Structure formats: C-alpha cells, structure tokens
C-alpha cells in the first residue's frame, strides 16, 4: 500500500508530468485562486504570471521537501518572509483557499483523482502551510 507522499507524487506526475501539462495545471490553479476573492485578486494585480508560475512550482517543491524532512530550507524561509506581515502581508487564512484551489485544479487534471488522492494533497502540503502561517508574525 502506498503512503500519502507516494500518492501525492503520483498525482503530481499525472497533472504536471510534462511541461505543457504543468503550465495548464498552474494556469487552472491561478484562475481558481484569483477568482476566489477580490482580496486574492488584489495580490496579483501587477504580477508577472509567467514568473509567478515558476515560483509556484519551486515553492511546491520546497513544501514537499519540508513535508518529508521537516527542515525548512533557506528558500522556504524566504518564501515565508515574503508572505509575512512584514513584507507582502498575506493573511494566514488565505492558505486554506490556496490549498482548496490546488486541490480543485488537481481534481480537474488528475483522471485518477479520488478521496485518497485529495487527502494525500492535503496531508503532504499541511506542514508547509502551517510553517507559512506560523511565520506570518514572526519575522
């Protein structure tokens, strides 16, 4: 039986294994996320979305690594700093919307998506989300 990390990684490969798949998946995610609320849309008003897509892919990698090692890399620390109250002031409650949008995009792109796959996404990304939320007021 596969563990949640393996289930998550299998799903990630199905939704973003090829470069064109990754682009479509990320575009879908951002469409869902930005349309979720005017507050979220405001954070992306003057954003280079191509660069943002690259940053999301890198951040996802960092969050998966954090989930497995429980060690925050310097890159994850920098992402948390950029999103903290001190810099971009991204409220911690938006991380649940971020996760919900990622899960919704995965549901759309993964032909094998089911409850176990959804749970795997949530379990694997939860430690990184908690790290980001914790760091919000601590820089």
Protein backbone atom coordinates (compact mmCIF):
# COMPACT_ATOMS: atom_id res chain seq x y z
CA UNK A 1 0.00 0.00 0.00
CA UNK A 2 1.31 3.45 -0.92
CA UNK A 3 1.85 6.18 1.63
CA UNK A 4 0.39 9.67 1.18
CA UNK A 5 3.62 11.11 -0.17
CA UNK A 6 3.71 8.46 -2.90
CA UNK A 7 0.03 9.04 -3.71
CA UNK A 8 0.65 12.80 -3.88
CA UNK A 9 3.72 12.44 -6.10
CA UNK A 10 1.87 10.07 -8.44
CA UNK A 11 -0.94 12.59 -8.73
CA UNK A 12 1.51 15.46 -9.32
CA UNK A 13 3.08 13.46 -12.13
CA UNK A 14 -0.34 12.88 -13.69
CA UNK A 15 -1.31 16.56 -13.52
CA UNK A 16 2.05 18.15 -14.26
CA UNK A 17 4.41 15.50 -15.60
CA UNK A 18 5.05 17.15 -18.94
CA UNK A 19 5.90 20.86 -19.28
CA UNK A 20 2.69 21.66 -21.16
CA UNK A 21 0.67 19.82 -18.51
CA UNK A 22 2.41 21.78 -15.76
CA UNK A 23 1.57 25.06 -17.49
CA UNK A 24 -2.09 24.11 -17.90
CA UNK A 25 -2.34 22.89 -14.32
CA UNK A 26 -0.75 26.06 -12.90
CA UNK A 27 -2.92 28.29 -15.09
CA UNK A 28 -6.01 26.46 -13.87
CA UNK A 29 -4.88 26.81 -10.27
CA UNK A 30 -4.31 30.55 -10.58
CA UNK A 31 -7.61 31.08 -12.35
CA UNK A 32 -9.41 29.32 -9.50
CA UNK A 33 -7.36 31.00 -6.78
CA UNK A 34 -7.53 34.55 -8.13
CA UNK A 35 -11.26 34.29 -8.84
CA UNK A 36 -11.91 33.10 -5.27
CA UNK A 37 -11.98 36.61 -3.82
CA UNK A 38 -11.21 40.25 -4.61
CA UNK A 39 -8.62 40.18 -1.81
CA UNK A 40 -6.69 37.41 -3.53
CA UNK A 41 -7.05 39.09 -6.92
CA UNK A 42 -5.54 42.23 -5.41
CA UNK A 43 -2.35 40.40 -4.52
CA UNK A 44 -1.86 39.50 -8.19
CA UNK A 45 -2.90 42.79 -9.81
CA UNK A 46 0.58 43.73 -11.06
CA UNK A 47 2.14 40.27 -11.14
CA UNK A 48 4.10 38.71 -13.98
CA UNK A 49 2.11 35.48 -14.05
CA UNK A 50 4.75 33.59 -16.03
CA UNK A 51 7.31 34.32 -13.33
CA UNK A 52 4.70 33.57 -10.68
CA UNK A 53 4.06 30.14 -12.22
CA UNK A 54 7.77 29.34 -11.94
CA UNK A 55 7.76 30.50 -8.33
CA UNK A 56 4.76 28.30 -7.55
CA UNK A 57 6.47 25.23 -8.98
CA UNK A 58 9.60 25.96 -6.91
CA UNK A 59 7.55 26.64 -3.78
CA UNK A 60 5.63 23.39 -4.20
CA UNK A 61 8.94 21.56 -4.37
CA UNK A 62 10.07 23.28 -1.17
CA UNK A 63 6.83 22.42 0.60
CA UNK A 64 7.07 18.76 -0.38
CA UNK A 65 10.67 18.67 0.79
CA UNK A 66 9.64 20.27 4.09
CA UNK A 67 6.88 17.70 4.46
CA UNK A 68 9.37 14.86 4.16
CA UNK A 69 12.38 16.29 6.01
CA UNK A 70 10.68 18.67 8.47
CA UNK A 71 13.60 21.04 7.82
CA UNK A 72 12.84 24.45 6.37
CA UNK A 73 15.19 25.25 3.54
CA UNK A 74 16.50 28.77 3.10
CA UNK A 75 14.23 29.07 0.04
CA UNK A 76 11.12 28.16 2.07
CA UNK A 77 12.19 30.57 4.75
CA UNK A 78 12.47 33.32 2.13
CA UNK A 79 9.03 32.48 0.73
CA UNK A 80 7.58 32.71 4.24
CA UNK A 81 9.32 36.05 4.79
CA UNK A 82 7.94 37.45 1.50
CA UNK A 83 4.42 36.41 2.50
CA UNK A 84 4.72 37.61 6.13
CA UNK A 85 3.00 40.63 7.65
CA UNK A 86 6.34 42.46 7.40
CA UNK A 87 6.54 42.18 3.60
CA UNK A 88 3.51 41.28 1.43
CA UNK A 89 1.11 40.77 4.35
CA UNK A 90 -0.63 37.65 3.02
CA UNK A 91 -3.15 36.74 5.75
CA UNK A 92 -2.76 33.19 7.10
CA UNK A 93 -6.40 32.35 6.38
CA UNK A 94 -5.71 32.62 2.64
CA UNK A 95 -3.60 29.46 2.75
CA UNK A 96 -6.74 27.32 3.03
CA UNK A 97 -8.06 28.97 -0.13
CA UNK A 98 -4.69 28.36 -1.76
CA UNK A 99 -4.90 24.67 -0.86
CA UNK A 100 -8.54 24.42 -1.93
CA UNK A 101 -7.63 25.88 -5.34
CA UNK A 102 -4.72 23.46 -5.74
CA UNK A 103 -6.95 20.52 -4.84
CA UNK A 104 -9.64 21.72 -7.25
CA UNK A 105 -7.08 22.02 -10.06
CA UNK A 106 -5.73 18.55 -9.26
CA UNK A 107 -9.29 17.19 -9.31
CA UNK A 108 -9.72 18.66 -12.79
CA UNK A 109 -6.42 17.39 -14.20
CA UNK A 110 -5.88 14.04 -12.48
CA UNK A 111 -8.01 11.32 -14.11
CA UNK A 112 -7.45 9.11 -11.05
CA UNK A 113 -8.43 11.77 -8.52
CA UNK A 114 -10.45 10.40 -5.59
CA UNK A 115 -10.78 10.95 -1.85
CA UNK A 116 -7.43 9.30 -1.09
CA UNK A 117 -5.66 11.48 -3.63
CA UNK A 118 -7.30 14.59 -2.19
CA UNK A 119 -6.26 13.56 1.30
CA UNK A 120 -2.71 12.99 0.08
CA UNK A 121 -2.55 16.54 -1.31
CA UNK A 122 -3.81 17.91 1.99
CA UNK A 123 -1.54 15.77 4.19
CA UNK A 124 1.62 16.44 2.20
CA UNK A 125 1.11 20.19 1.93
CA UNK A 126 -0.17 20.73 5.50
CA UNK A 127 3.25 21.02 7.19
CA UNK A 128 4.41 23.69 4.73
CA UNK A 129 1.17 25.61 5.11
CA UNK A 130 1.49 25.53 8.89
CA UNK A 131 5.08 26.74 8.59
CA UNK A 132 3.97 29.69 6.44
CA UNK A 133 1.12 30.57 8.80
CA UNK A 134 3.36 30.34 11.87
CA UNK A 135 5.98 32.61 10.31
CA UNK A 136 3.45 35.31 9.35
CA UNK A 137 4.04 37.38 12.52
CA UNK A 138 7.49 36.08 13.36
CA UNK A 139 9.93 37.92 11.10
